[in-house]
Amino acid sequence: MIDNTNDKFKEVIVTKDELNQVVEEISKYFKINTTILLYGGLGAGKTTFTKKLLESLGVKELVTSPTFTLMNQYQVNEVKINHIDAYRLSNTSDYDMFLEEMLDSFNVIEWPENFKINYSDYFNLIKIKIEYIDEETRKFKIIEGK
C-alpha cells in the first residue's frame, strides 16, 4: 500500500505481483520534460520496473535494458521516451551526448548519479530509490519535485 502522508514523498513495499501499484502511481507523471531517476544497487529491479512502466504507458516494442547501448528510444503518440542506463558512464561530460535527446522527452534514467548534471535545471523530476528486500520484495521510495 502506498503511504500518502506526504504528497512529495511516498514509500511502498511490494512484491513482483504488486509492482503495478507503483507503476500506476508513477504513470500519472507521463509528460514531456519529466525525468524519472532510478536509484538502487545491481539487481534491485530498476529495469524490471522500467519495463512495466513503459508497457503501461503504451510502448509496444520489447523493452530491453540499455546497459550496452546506453539509451533505448520509444515513441507513444507524440511523446518520445528515452530509457537510459548510465551504469557504465563515469566521465563528467558523458551526459552531453544525451542531453539534447532528453530535452522535450519523457526520460527514465537508471544510475543517474553517474551523470554529473543538475537534472532540476532541465526537467520535472521524480526520484525513485528501489531497495532489495528479498527475491520477491522491493521497497520503493518515491520523491516528487526538484
N, C-alpha and C. Protein backbone atom coordinates (compact mmCIF):
# COMPACT_ATOMS: atom_id res chain seq x y z
N MET A 1 0.84 -1.19 0.00
CA MET A 1 0.00 0.00 0.00
C MET A 1 0.88 1.24 0.00
N ILE A 2 0.54 2.23 -0.79
CA ILE A 2 1.33 3.46 -0.87
C ILE A 2 0.95 4.38 0.27
N ASP A 3 1.96 4.88 0.97
CA ASP A 3 1.77 5.82 2.08
C ASP A 3 1.67 7.22 1.51
N ASN A 4 0.51 7.84 1.62
CA ASN A 4 0.29 9.18 1.08
C ASN A 4 0.30 10.26 2.15
N THR A 5 1.04 10.07 3.22
CA THR A 5 1.05 11.06 4.30
C THR A 5 1.72 12.35 3.88
N ASN A 6 2.54 12.30 2.86
CA ASN A 6 3.22 13.50 2.37
C ASN A 6 3.15 13.45 0.84
N ASP A 7 2.58 14.48 0.23
CA ASP A 7 2.40 14.48 -1.22
C ASP A 7 3.72 14.44 -1.99
N LYS A 8 4.82 14.87 -1.37
CA LYS A 8 6.11 14.90 -2.04
C LYS A 8 6.93 13.64 -1.81
N PHE A 9 6.54 12.81 -0.85
CA PHE A 9 7.29 11.61 -0.52
C PHE A 9 6.32 10.45 -0.29
N LYS A 10 6.59 9.35 -0.95
CA LYS A 10 5.76 8.16 -0.77
C LYS A 10 6.69 6.96 -0.62
N GLU A 11 6.24 6.00 0.15
CA GLU A 11 7.02 4.79 0.34
C GLU A 11 6.09 3.59 0.26
N VAL A 12 6.57 2.54 -0.39
CA VAL A 12 5.74 1.35 -0.55
C VAL A 12 6.66 0.13 -0.60
N ILE A 13 6.19 -0.96 -0.02
CA ILE A 13 6.88 -2.25 -0.12
C ILE A 13 5.95 -3.16 -0.91
N VAL A 14 6.47 -3.71 -2.01
CA VAL A 14 5.64 -4.54 -2.89
C VAL A 14 6.38 -5.80 -3.31
N THR A 15 5.59 -6.81 -3.65
CA THR A 15 6.14 -8.00 -4.29
C THR A 15 6.10 -7.76 -5.81
N LYS A 16 6.71 -8.65 -6.56
CA LYS A 16 6.67 -8.52 -8.02
C LYS A 16 5.23 -8.48 -8.53
N ASP A 17 4.36 -9.26 -7.90
CA ASP A 17 2.95 -9.29 -8.32
C ASP A 17 2.23 -7.98 -8.01
N GLU A 18 2.74 -7.20 -7.07
CA GLU A 18 2.11 -5.93 -6.69
C GLU A 18 2.78 -4.72 -7.32
N LEU A 19 3.76 -4.96 -8.17
CA LEU A 19 4.53 -3.87 -8.78
C LEU A 19 3.64 -2.88 -9.53
N ASN A 20 2.52 -3.35 -10.05
CA ASN A 20 1.62 -2.46 -10.80
C ASN A 20 1.10 -1.31 -9.95
N GLN A 21 1.06 -1.46 -8.62
CA GLN A 21 0.67 -0.35 -7.75
C GLN A 21 1.61 0.84 -7.94
N VAL A 22 2.90 0.55 -7.96
CA VAL A 22 3.90 1.60 -8.12
C VAL A 22 3.86 2.15 -9.54
N VAL A 23 3.74 1.27 -10.52
CA VAL A 23 3.66 1.69 -11.92
C VAL A 23 2.47 2.64 -12.12
N GLU A 24 1.33 2.30 -11.56
CA GLU A 24 0.14 3.14 -11.68
C GLU A 24 0.39 4.52 -11.06
N GLU A 25 1.04 4.56 -9.92
CA GLU A 25 1.34 5.82 -9.25
C GLU A 25 2.27 6.69 -10.10
N ILE A 26 3.29 6.09 -10.69
CA ILE A 26 4.29 6.84 -11.46
C ILE A 26 3.77 7.21 -12.84
N SER A 27 2.91 6.41 -13.43
CA SER A 27 2.44 6.68 -14.79
C SER A 27 1.68 8.00 -14.89
N LYS A 28 1.17 8.52 -13.79
CA LYS A 28 0.46 9.80 -13.85
C LYS A 28 1.41 10.97 -14.14
N TYR A 29 2.71 10.75 -14.05
CA TYR A 29 3.69 11.79 -14.35
C TYR A 29 4.15 11.77 -15.80
N PHE A 30 3.52 10.94 -16.63
CA PHE A 30 3.95 10.78 -18.02
C PHE A 30 3.65 12.04 -18.82
N LYS A 31 4.69 12.84 -19.05
CA LYS A 31 4.58 14.03 -19.90
C LYS A 31 5.97 14.49 -20.30
N ILE A 32 6.00 15.31 -21.32
CA ILE A 32 7.27 15.83 -21.84
C ILE A 32 7.99 16.62 -20.74
N ASN A 33 9.31 16.52 -20.76
CA ASN A 33 10.21 17.19 -19.81
C ASN A 33 10.08 16.70 -18.38
N THR A 34 9.62 15.46 -18.24
CA THR A 34 9.65 14.80 -16.93
C THR A 34 10.70 13.71 -17.01
N THR A 35 11.49 13.61 -15.95
CA THR A 35 12.53 12.59 -15.89
C THR A 35 12.38 11.79 -14.60
N ILE A 36 12.37 10.48 -14.76
CA ILE A 36 12.33 9.55 -13.63
C ILE A 36 13.76 9.11 -13.37
N LEU A 37 14.27 9.38 -12.17
CA LEU A 37 15.62 8.98 -11.78
C LEU A 37 15.51 7.74 -10.91
N LEU A 38 16.10 6.64 -11.36
CA LEU A 38 16.02 5.36 -10.65
C LEU A 38 17.34 5.04 -9.96
N TYR A 39 17.29 4.96 -8.64
CA TYR A 39 18.46 4.63 -7.83
C TYR A 39 18.27 3.25 -7.24
N GLY A 40 19.36 2.53 -7.07
CA GLY A 40 19.31 1.21 -6.44
C GLY A 40 20.49 0.38 -6.90
N GLY A 41 20.86 -0.59 -6.10
CA GLY A 41 22.00 -1.43 -6.43
C GLY A 41 21.72 -2.37 -7.58
N LEU A 42 22.76 -3.11 -7.97
CA LEU A 42 22.60 -4.12 -9.01
C LEU A 42 21.54 -5.13 -8.56
N GLY A 43 20.62 -5.44 -9.45
CA GLY A 43 19.58 -6.41 -9.14
C GLY A 43 18.44 -5.89 -8.30
N ALA A 44 18.40 -4.58 -8.07
CA ALA A 44 17.33 -4.00 -7.25
C ALA A 44 15.98 -4.05 -7.96
N GLY A 45 15.99 -4.00 -9.29
CA GLY A 45 14.74 -4.05 -10.04
C GLY A 45 14.46 -2.82 -10.88
N LYS A 46 15.49 -2.03 -11.15
CA LYS A 46 15.31 -0.79 -11.93
C LYS A 46 14.80 -1.09 -13.34
N THR A 47 15.41 -2.05 -14.01
CA THR A 47 14.99 -2.38 -15.38
C THR A 47 13.63 -3.06 -15.39
N THR A 48 13.38 -3.94 -14.44
CA THR A 48 12.07 -4.59 -14.35
C THR A 48 10.98 -3.55 -14.16
N PHE A 49 11.21 -2.59 -13.27
CA PHE A 49 10.24 -1.51 -13.06
C PHE A 49 10.04 -0.71 -14.35
N THR A 50 11.14 -0.38 -15.02
CA THR A 50 11.05 0.42 -16.25
C THR A 50 10.26 -0.32 -17.33
N LYS A 51 10.50 -1.61 -17.48
CA LYS A 51 9.74 -2.40 -18.46
C LYS A 51 8.24 -2.31 -18.19
N LYS A 52 7.86 -2.52 -16.94
CA LYS A 52 6.44 -2.46 -16.57
C LYS A 52 5.87 -1.07 -16.81
N LEU A 53 6.63 -0.03 -16.43
CA LEU A 53 6.16 1.34 -16.61
C LEU A 53 5.94 1.66 -18.08
N LEU A 54 6.94 1.37 -18.91
CA LEU A 54 6.83 1.71 -20.33
C LEU A 54 5.73 0.91 -21.02
N GLU A 55 5.58 -0.34 -20.65
CA GLU A 55 4.48 -1.13 -21.20
C GLU A 55 3.13 -0.52 -20.81
N SER A 56 3.02 -0.05 -19.57
CA SER A 56 1.76 0.54 -19.12
C SER A 56 1.47 1.86 -19.82
N LEU A 57 2.52 2.54 -20.28
CA LEU A 57 2.36 3.81 -20.99
C LEU A 57 2.01 3.62 -22.46
N GLY A 58 2.10 2.37 -22.93
CA GLY A 58 1.71 2.09 -24.31
C GLY A 58 2.84 1.73 -25.25
N VAL A 59 4.04 1.53 -24.72
CA VAL A 59 5.16 1.10 -25.58
C VAL A 59 4.86 -0.31 -26.07
N LYS A 60 4.86 -0.48 -27.38
CA LYS A 60 4.52 -1.78 -27.99
C LYS A 60 5.76 -2.64 -28.24
N GLU A 61 6.92 -1.98 -28.43
CA GLU A 61 8.14 -2.72 -28.69
C GLU A 61 8.59 -3.46 -27.42
N LEU A 62 9.47 -4.43 -27.62
CA LEU A 62 10.08 -5.12 -26.50
C LEU A 62 10.98 -4.13 -25.76
N VAL A 63 10.75 -3.94 -24.48
CA VAL A 63 11.57 -3.03 -23.67
C VAL A 63 12.73 -3.85 -23.10
N THR A 64 13.94 -3.45 -23.46
CA THR A 64 15.14 -4.16 -23.01
C THR A 64 16.06 -3.21 -22.26
N SER A 65 16.99 -3.78 -21.54
CA SER A 65 17.95 -2.98 -20.80
C SER A 65 18.94 -2.32 -21.75
N PRO A 66 19.17 -1.02 -21.60
CA PRO A 66 20.15 -0.34 -22.45
C PRO A 66 21.56 -0.32 -21.84
N THR A 67 21.91 -1.35 -21.06
CA THR A 67 23.21 -1.36 -20.40
C THR A 67 24.35 -1.20 -21.40
N PHE A 68 24.26 -1.84 -22.54
CA PHE A 68 25.36 -1.75 -23.51
C PHE A 68 25.10 -0.71 -24.60
N THR A 69 23.85 -0.47 -24.93
CA THR A 69 23.54 0.56 -25.93
C THR A 69 23.46 1.94 -25.30
N LEU A 70 23.38 2.00 -23.97
CA LEU A 70 23.29 3.21 -23.15
C LEU A 70 21.92 3.88 -23.20
N MET A 71 21.28 3.90 -24.39
CA MET A 71 19.96 4.52 -24.46
C MET A 71 19.09 3.79 -25.48
N ASN A 72 17.86 3.49 -25.07
CA ASN A 72 16.83 2.98 -25.98
C ASN A 72 15.76 4.04 -26.09
N GLN A 73 15.22 4.21 -27.30
CA GLN A 73 14.19 5.22 -27.52
C GLN A 73 12.91 4.56 -28.00
N TYR A 74 11.80 5.11 -27.53
CA TYR A 74 10.47 4.63 -27.87
C TYR A 74 9.59 5.84 -28.17
N GLN A 75 8.44 5.60 -28.75
CA GLN A 75 7.50 6.67 -29.06
C GLN A 75 6.11 6.20 -28.68
N VAL A 76 5.39 7.04 -27.93
CA VAL A 76 3.98 6.79 -27.62
C VAL A 76 3.22 8.05 -28.00
N ASN A 77 2.37 7.91 -29.02
CA ASN A 77 1.67 9.07 -29.58
C ASN A 77 2.71 10.12 -29.97
N GLU A 78 2.64 11.31 -29.43
CA GLU A 78 3.59 12.37 -29.79
C GLU A 78 4.75 12.48 -28.81
N VAL A 79 4.82 11.59 -27.83
CA VAL A 79 5.83 11.70 -26.78
C VAL A 79 6.98 10.74 -27.03
N LYS A 80 8.18 11.30 -27.10
CA LYS A 80 9.39 10.48 -27.22
C LYS A 80 9.80 10.06 -25.81
N ILE A 81 10.16 8.79 -25.67
CA ILE A 81 10.59 8.23 -24.39
C ILE A 81 12.03 7.75 -24.53
N ASN A 82 12.88 8.18 -23.61
CA ASN A 82 14.27 7.73 -23.57
C ASN A 82 14.47 6.90 -22.31
N HIS A 83 15.01 5.71 -22.48
CA HIS A 83 15.39 4.84 -21.36
C HIS A 83 16.91 4.77 -21.38
N ILE A 84 17.53 5.35 -20.37
CA ILE A 84 18.99 5.47 -20.32
C ILE A 84 19.52 4.66 -19.14
N ASP A 85 20.59 3.92 -19.38
CA ASP A 85 21.30 3.21 -18.32
C ASP A 85 22.70 3.80 -18.25
N ALA A 86 22.96 4.59 -17.21
CA ALA A 86 24.24 5.30 -17.08
C ALA A 86 25.25 4.52 -16.25
N TYR A 87 25.00 3.23 -16.03
CA TYR A 87 25.88 2.43 -15.18
C TYR A 87 27.33 2.48 -15.64
N ARG A 88 27.55 2.41 -16.94
CA ARG A 88 28.92 2.35 -17.46
C ARG A 88 29.52 3.73 -17.74
N LEU A 89 28.80 4.79 -17.42
CA LEU A 89 29.31 6.14 -17.66
C LEU A 89 29.96 6.69 -16.40
N SER A 90 31.09 7.34 -16.58
CA SER A 90 31.74 7.95 -15.42
C SER A 90 32.34 9.31 -15.76
N ASN A 91 32.52 9.59 -17.02
CA ASN A 91 33.10 10.86 -17.44
C ASN A 91 32.06 11.96 -17.24
N THR A 92 32.46 13.05 -16.62
CA THR A 92 31.51 14.11 -16.31
C THR A 92 30.89 14.72 -17.56
N SER A 93 31.50 14.57 -18.70
CA SER A 93 30.94 15.15 -19.92
C SER A 93 30.09 14.15 -20.71
N ASP A 94 30.00 12.91 -20.25
CA ASP A 94 29.23 11.91 -20.98
C ASP A 94 27.78 12.30 -21.18
N TYR A 95 27.21 13.03 -20.22
CA TYR A 95 25.80 13.38 -20.34
C TYR A 95 25.54 14.32 -21.51
N ASP A 96 26.57 15.05 -21.97
CA ASP A 96 26.37 16.00 -23.08
C ASP A 96 25.77 15.33 -24.30
N MET A 97 26.20 14.10 -24.58
CA MET A 97 25.71 13.42 -25.78
C MET A 97 24.25 13.00 -25.64
N PHE A 98 23.73 12.97 -24.42
CA PHE A 98 22.34 12.58 -24.20
C PHE A 98 21.40 13.76 -24.00
N LEU A 99 21.93 14.86 -23.51
CA LEU A 99 21.07 15.96 -23.08
C LEU A 99 20.14 16.46 -24.18
N GLU A 100 20.66 16.62 -25.38
CA GLU A 100 19.81 17.10 -26.47
C GLU A 100 18.65 16.14 -26.74
N GLU A 101 18.92 14.85 -26.69
CA GLU A 101 17.87 13.85 -26.89
C GLU A 101 16.85 13.87 -25.75
N MET A 102 17.32 14.18 -24.55
CA MET A 102 16.46 14.14 -23.37
C MET A 102 15.49 15.31 -23.30
N LEU A 103 15.88 16.45 -23.86
CA LEU A 103 15.01 17.61 -23.83
C LEU A 103 13.75 17.35 -24.63
N ASP A 104 12.64 17.84 -24.18
CA ASP A 104 11.34 17.65 -24.84
C ASP A 104 10.96 16.18 -24.97
N SER A 105 11.34 15.39 -23.98
CA SER A 105 11.04 13.96 -23.95
C SER A 105 10.64 13.56 -22.54
N PHE A 106 10.14 12.34 -22.42
CA PHE A 106 9.94 11.70 -21.13
C PHE A 106 11.12 10.76 -20.95
N ASN A 107 11.82 10.85 -19.83
CA ASN A 107 13.06 10.10 -19.64
C ASN A 107 13.00 9.22 -18.40
N VAL A 108 13.58 8.04 -18.52
CA VAL A 108 13.79 7.17 -17.37
C VAL A 108 15.28 6.86 -17.35
N ILE A 109 15.95 7.20 -16.24
CA ILE A 109 17.40 7.04 -16.16
C ILE A 109 17.77 6.13 -15.00
N GLU A 110 18.42 5.02 -15.33
CA GLU A 110 18.99 4.15 -14.31
C GLU A 110 20.41 4.62 -14.03
N TRP A 111 20.82 4.58 -12.78
CA TRP A 111 22.14 5.03 -12.34
C TRP A 111 22.35 6.52 -12.65
N PRO A 112 21.41 7.39 -12.34
CA PRO A 112 21.53 8.82 -12.68
C PRO A 112 22.68 9.51 -11.97
N GLU A 113 23.15 8.94 -10.89
CA GLU A 113 24.27 9.53 -10.16
C GLU A 113 25.56 9.51 -10.98
N ASN A 114 25.61 8.71 -12.04
CA ASN A 114 26.80 8.67 -12.88
C ASN A 114 26.86 9.81 -13.89
N PHE A 115 25.77 10.53 -14.05
CA PHE A 115 25.78 11.77 -14.85
C PHE A 115 26.03 12.92 -13.89
N LYS A 116 26.99 13.74 -14.20
CA LYS A 116 27.26 14.91 -13.36
C LYS A 116 26.46 16.08 -13.93
N ILE A 117 25.17 16.06 -13.67
CA ILE A 117 24.26 17.05 -14.22
C ILE A 117 23.25 17.43 -13.14
N ASN A 118 22.86 18.68 -13.13
CA ASN A 118 21.80 19.12 -12.23
C ASN A 118 20.49 18.95 -12.99
N TYR A 119 19.86 17.80 -12.83
CA TYR A 119 18.66 17.46 -13.58
C TYR A 119 17.56 18.50 -13.42
N SER A 120 17.47 19.10 -12.24
CA SER A 120 16.38 20.04 -11.98
C SER A 120 16.50 21.32 -12.80
N ASP A 121 17.66 21.56 -13.40
CA ASP A 121 17.80 22.71 -14.31
C ASP A 121 17.02 22.51 -15.60
N TYR A 122 16.71 21.25 -15.92
CA TYR A 122 16.12 20.93 -17.22
C TYR A 122 14.76 20.24 -17.15
N PHE A 123 14.50 19.51 -16.05
CA PHE A 123 13.36 18.60 -16.04
C PHE A 123 12.54 18.68 -14.75
N ASN A 124 11.29 18.28 -14.86
CA ASN A 124 10.49 17.94 -13.67
C ASN A 124 10.96 16.56 -13.24
N LEU A 125 11.21 16.37 -11.97
CA LEU A 125 11.85 15.15 -11.51
C LEU A 125 10.96 14.30 -10.61
N ILE A 126 11.11 13.00 -10.78
CA ILE A 126 10.59 12.01 -9.86
C ILE A 126 11.79 11.12 -9.53
N LYS A 127 12.18 11.09 -8.27
CA LYS A 127 13.30 10.24 -7.84
C LYS A 127 12.72 9.00 -7.17
N ILE A 128 13.23 7.86 -7.59
CA ILE A 128 12.77 6.59 -7.03
C ILE A 128 13.98 5.79 -6.57
N LYS A 129 14.01 5.46 -5.30
CA LYS A 129 15.05 4.58 -4.77
C LYS A 129 14.42 3.21 -4.56
N ILE A 130 15.00 2.21 -5.21
CA ILE A 130 14.50 0.84 -5.11
C ILE A 130 15.47 0.06 -4.23
N GLU A 131 14.92 -0.53 -3.19
CA GLU A 131 15.74 -1.28 -2.24
C GLU A 131 15.34 -2.75 -2.28
N TYR A 132 16.33 -3.61 -2.44
CA TYR A 132 16.13 -5.06 -2.45
C TYR A 132 15.80 -5.52 -1.02
N ILE A 133 14.67 -6.16 -0.85
CA ILE A 133 14.31 -6.74 0.45
C ILE A 133 14.59 -8.24 0.43
N ASP A 134 14.01 -8.92 -0.54
CA ASP A 134 14.31 -10.33 -0.80
C ASP A 134 13.99 -10.61 -2.26
N GLU A 135 14.12 -11.85 -2.69
CA GLU A 135 13.97 -12.19 -4.11
C GLU A 135 12.65 -11.68 -4.71
N GLU A 136 11.60 -11.66 -3.93
CA GLU A 136 10.28 -11.27 -4.44
C GLU A 136 9.82 -9.88 -4.01
N THR A 137 10.54 -9.22 -3.11
CA THR A 137 10.03 -8.00 -2.48
C THR A 137 11.00 -6.84 -2.62
N ARG A 138 10.45 -5.65 -2.91
CA ARG A 138 11.25 -4.43 -3.02
C ARG A 138 10.56 -3.30 -2.27
N LYS A 139 11.39 -2.37 -1.77
CA LYS A 139 10.87 -1.14 -1.17
C LYS A 139 11.13 -0.01 -2.15
N PHE A 140 10.10 0.76 -2.44
CA PHE A 140 10.20 1.92 -3.32
C PHE A 140 10.02 3.19 -2.49
N LYS A 141 10.98 4.09 -2.60
CA LYS A 141 10.85 5.42 -2.01
C LYS A 141 10.72 6.39 -3.18
N ILE A 142 9.62 7.11 -3.23
CA ILE A 142 9.31 7.99 -4.36
C ILE A 142 9.31 9.43 -3.86
N ILE A 143 10.13 10.25 -4.49
CA ILE A 143 10.21 11.66 -4.12
C ILE A 143 9.88 12.49 -5.35
N GLU A 144 8.87 13.33 -5.22
CA GLU A 144 8.44 14.18 -6.31
C GLU A 144 9.06 15.56 -6.14
N GLY A 145 9.50 16.13 -7.26
CA GLY A 145 9.98 17.51 -7.23
C GLY A 145 11.45 17.63 -7.50
N LYS A 146 11.94 18.83 -7.39
CA LYS A 146 13.31 19.15 -7.73
C LYS A 146 14.18 18.86 -6.59
